[in-house]
Amino acid sequence: MTSAFSQHRSSSDKENDGAEHRTLNWALRVLVIAVSIAVAPCAHVYQADSYQSRPNESDLDNHGHYVNRDGNVVHSPTHSRSGAVPQGATTQCRDGTYSFSQHHSRTCSRHGGVSRWE
């Protein structure tokens, strides 16, 4: 049984319901995009055809990665356990970490800047 109230809802009430639905739909889309961005770097693996050689992970103290502006997965700056320059390192940062950056821009920006290019 329907009430007289539900049968005679104003058009502004119906518009509000539509606006609420659109707001929830928009919020859900934003959430999905945010989760995709957060998870995407973890889902990448090194590309076999990449020109940069892969570092020996067992000699590194950090196993993080990031996606550069070209969409390539790059190892995050790290220290080598042996003290040797890691395979594939392109520069040493001022804090002693080795970077695998493929571009000069912003290389070692969170590690005191570039100490020397390898």
C-alpha atoms as a PDB file:
ATOM      1  CA  MET A   1       0.000   0.000   0.000  1.00  0.00           C
ATOM      2  CA  THR A   2       1.372   3.379  -0.919  1.00  0.00           C
ATOM      3  CA  SER A   3       0.837   6.417   1.189  1.00  0.00           C
ATOM      4  CA  ALA A   4      -0.539   9.667  -0.054  1.00  0.00           C
ATOM      5  CA  PHE A   5       2.865  11.189   0.676  1.00  0.00           C
ATOM      6  CA  SER A   6       4.771   8.844  -1.629  1.00  0.00           C
ATOM      7  CA  GLN A   7       2.220   9.309  -4.409  1.00  0.00           C
ATOM      8  CA  HIS A   8       2.446  13.070  -4.305  1.00  0.00           C
ATOM      9  CA  ARG A   9       6.180  13.708  -4.038  1.00  0.00           C
ATOM     10  CA  SER A  10       7.185  17.027  -5.478  1.00  0.00           C
ATOM     11  CA  SER A  11       9.421  17.307  -8.498  1.00  0.00           C
ATOM     12  CA  SER A  12      12.074  18.995  -6.326  1.00  0.00           C
ATOM     13  CA  ASP A  13      12.183  15.879  -4.092  1.00  0.00           C
ATOM     14  CA  LYS A  14      12.708  13.711  -7.158  1.00  0.00           C
ATOM     15  CA  GLU A  15      15.433  16.070  -8.402  1.00  0.00           C
ATOM     16  CA  ASN A  16      17.157  15.876  -5.006  1.00  0.00           C
ATOM     17  CA  ASP A  17      17.127  12.076  -5.208  1.00  0.00           C
ATOM     18  CA  GLY A  18      18.737  12.309  -8.655  1.00  0.00           C
ATOM     19  CA  ALA A  19      21.353  14.760  -7.407  1.00  0.00           C
ATOM     20  CA  GLU A  20      22.191  12.501  -4.460  1.00  0.00           C
ATOM     21  CA  HIS A  21      22.543   9.545  -6.827  1.00  0.00           C
ATOM     22  CA  ARG A  22      24.854  11.541  -9.117  1.00  0.00           C
ATOM     23  CA  THR A  23      26.940  12.672  -6.113  1.00  0.00           C
ATOM     24  CA  LEU A  24      27.330   9.091  -4.882  1.00  0.00           C
ATOM     25  CA  ASN A  25      28.146   7.903  -8.394  1.00  0.00           C
ATOM     26  CA  TRP A  26      30.798  10.645  -8.734  1.00  0.00           C
ATOM     27  CA  ALA A  27      32.272   9.822  -5.296  1.00  0.00           C
ATOM     28  CA  LEU A  28      32.477   6.136  -6.224  1.00  0.00           C
ATOM     29  CA  ARG A  29      34.292   6.978  -9.469  1.00  0.00           C
ATOM     30  CA  VAL A  30      36.791   9.176  -7.594  1.00  0.00           C
ATOM     31  CA  LEU A  31      37.396   6.375  -5.086  1.00  0.00           C
ATOM     32  CA  VAL A  32      37.994   3.808  -7.852  1.00  0.00           C
ATOM     33  CA  ILE A  33      40.449   6.146  -9.595  1.00  0.00           C
ATOM     34  CA  ALA A  34      42.299   6.893  -6.346  1.00  0.00           C
ATOM     35  CA  VAL A  35      42.637   3.189  -5.530  1.00  0.00           C
ATOM     36  CA  SER A  36      43.792   2.464  -9.088  1.00  0.00           C
ATOM     37  CA  ILE A  37      46.496   5.116  -8.847  1.00  0.00           C
ATOM     38  CA  ALA A  38      47.643   3.836  -5.460  1.00  0.00           C
ATOM     39  CA  VAL A  39      47.774   0.202  -6.575  1.00  0.00           C
ATOM     40  CA  ALA A  40      49.094   0.690 -10.127  1.00  0.00           C
ATOM     41  CA  PRO A  41      52.795   1.055  -9.221  1.00  0.00           C
ATOM     42  CA  CYS A  42      52.625  -2.205  -7.271  1.00  0.00           C
ATOM     43  CA  ALA A  43      51.130  -4.050 -10.216  1.00  0.00           C
ATOM     44  CA  HIS A  44      53.958  -3.226 -12.631  1.00  0.00           C
ATOM     45  CA  VAL A  45      56.946  -5.454 -13.194  1.00  0.00           C
ATOM     46  CA  TYR A  46      60.172  -4.774 -15.006  1.00  0.00           C
ATOM     47  CA  GLN A  47      59.727  -4.838 -18.748  1.00  0.00           C
ATOM     48  CA  ALA A  48      61.890  -7.443 -20.444  1.00  0.00           C
ATOM     49  CA  ASP A  49      62.632  -5.117 -23.345  1.00  0.00           C
ATOM     50  CA  SER A  50      63.731  -2.237 -21.112  1.00  0.00           C
ATOM     51  CA  TYR A  51      67.133  -0.845 -22.036  1.00  0.00           C
ATOM     52  CA  GLN A  52      68.058  -0.440 -18.393  1.00  0.00           C
ATOM     53  CA  SER A  53      69.469  -3.515 -16.676  1.00  0.00           C
ATOM     54  CA  ARG A  54      67.788  -4.745 -13.515  1.00  0.00           C
ATOM     55  CA  PRO A  55      69.643  -4.342 -10.242  1.00  0.00           C
ATOM     56  CA  ASN A  56      70.466  -7.363  -8.110  1.00  0.00           C
ATOM     57  CA  GLU A  57      67.703  -7.040  -5.501  1.00  0.00           C
ATOM     58  CA  SER A  58      69.612  -9.154  -2.955  1.00  0.00           C
ATOM     59  CA  ASP A  59      72.318  -6.453  -2.761  1.00  0.00           C
ATOM     60  CA  LEU A  60      69.844  -3.603  -2.167  1.00  0.00           C
ATOM     61  CA  ASP A  61      68.353  -2.436   1.128  1.00  0.00           C
ATOM     62  CA  ASN A  62      65.187  -1.018  -0.460  1.00  0.00           C
ATOM     63  CA  HIS A  63      62.901  -2.787  -2.902  1.00  0.00           C
ATOM     64  CA  GLY A  64      60.564   0.082  -3.802  1.00  0.00           C
ATOM     65  CA  HIS A  65      59.669   1.160  -7.320  1.00  0.00           C
ATOM     66  CA  TYR A  66      57.946   4.062  -9.009  1.00  0.00           C
ATOM     67  CA  VAL A  67      56.530   4.772 -12.463  1.00  0.00           C
ATOM     68  CA  ASN A  68      58.392   7.549 -14.279  1.00  0.00           C
ATOM     69  CA  ARG A  69      56.901  10.076 -16.687  1.00  0.00           C
ATOM     70  CA  ASP A  70      57.396   7.656 -19.604  1.00  0.00           C
ATOM     71  CA  GLY A  71      55.387   4.974 -17.823  1.00  0.00           C
ATOM     72  CA  ASN A  72      58.463   2.842 -17.076  1.00  0.00           C
ATOM     73  CA  VAL A  73      58.831   1.116 -13.721  1.00  0.00           C
ATOM     74  CA  VAL A  74      62.057   2.304 -12.099  1.00  0.00           C
ATOM     75  CA  HIS A  75      63.730   1.124  -8.907  1.00  0.00           C
ATOM     76  CA  SER A  76      63.600   3.696  -6.112  1.00  0.00           C
ATOM     77  CA  PRO A  77      66.883   5.129  -4.831  1.00  0.00           C
ATOM     78  CA  THR A  78      68.591   2.688  -2.469  1.00  0.00           C
ATOM     79  CA  HIS A  79      71.850   1.803  -0.737  1.00  0.00           C
ATOM     80  CA  SER A  80      73.774  -1.271  -1.818  1.00  0.00           C
ATOM     81  CA  ARG A  81      74.620  -3.729   0.954  1.00  0.00           C
ATOM     82  CA  SER A  82      78.004  -4.543  -0.558  1.00  0.00           C
ATOM     83  CA  GLY A  83      79.015  -0.915  -1.087  1.00  0.00           C
ATOM     84  CA  ALA A  84      79.441  -1.549  -4.826  1.00  0.00           C
ATOM     85  CA  VAL A  85      77.581   0.478  -7.438  1.00  0.00           C
ATOM     86  CA  PRO A  86      74.390  -1.509  -8.165  1.00  0.00           C
ATOM     87  CA  GLN A  87      73.846  -2.786 -11.689  1.00  0.00           C
ATOM     88  CA  GLY A  88      71.714  -0.291 -13.612  1.00  0.00           C
ATOM     89  CA  ALA A  89      72.387   2.660 -11.277  1.00  0.00           C
ATOM     90  CA  THR A  90      72.598   5.955 -13.169  1.00  0.00           C
ATOM     91  CA  THR A  91      73.692   8.268 -10.369  1.00  0.00           C
ATOM     92  CA  GLN A  92      74.692   8.448  -6.738  1.00  0.00           C
ATOM     93  CA  CYS A  93      72.735  10.832  -4.545  1.00  0.00           C
ATOM     94  CA  ARG A  94      74.333  13.048  -1.889  1.00  0.00           C
ATOM     95  CA  ASP A  95      72.924  10.868   0.889  1.00  0.00           C
ATOM     96  CA  GLY A  96      74.818   7.862  -0.537  1.00  0.00           C
ATOM     97  CA  THR A  97      71.860   6.153  -2.180  1.00  0.00           C
ATOM     98  CA  TYR A  98      72.043   5.057  -5.813  1.00  0.00           C
ATOM     99  CA  SER A  99      69.365   6.187  -8.239  1.00  0.00           C
ATOM    100  CA  PHE A 100      68.122   4.327 -11.304  1.00  0.00           C
ATOM    101  CA  SER A 101      66.468   7.409 -12.800  1.00  0.00           C
ATOM    102  CA  GLN A 102      66.094   7.587 -16.574  1.00  0.00           C
ATOM    103  CA  HIS A 103      65.816  11.410 -16.612  1.00  0.00           C
ATOM    104  CA  HIS A 104      67.910  14.151 -15.047  1.00  0.00           C
ATOM    105  CA  SER A 105      64.882  16.142 -13.891  1.00  0.00           C
ATOM    106  CA  ARG A 106      64.108  15.610 -10.176  1.00  0.00           C
ATOM    107  CA  THR A 107      66.726  12.850  -9.841  1.00  0.00           C
ATOM    108  CA  CYS A 108      67.727  12.464  -6.158  1.00  0.00           C
ATOM    109  CA  SER A 109      65.334  15.300  -5.250  1.00  0.00           C
ATOM    110  CA  ARG A 110      64.471  13.643  -1.919  1.00  0.00           C
ATOM    111  CA  HIS A 111      68.027  12.458  -1.326  1.00  0.00           C
ATOM    112  CA  GLY A 112      69.962  15.722  -1.183  1.00  0.00           C
ATOM    113  CA  GLY A 113      70.480  16.082  -4.924  1.00  0.00           C
ATOM    114  CA  VAL A 114      72.917  14.382  -7.276  1.00  0.00           C
ATOM    115  CA  SER A 115      76.428  13.698  -6.040  1.00  0.00           C
ATOM    116  CA  ARG A 116      77.698  12.215  -9.294  1.00  0.00           C
ATOM    117  CA  TRP A 117      76.396  10.617 -12.464  1.00  0.00           C
ATOM    118  CA  GLU A 118      77.530   7.039 -13.067  1.00  0.00           C
END
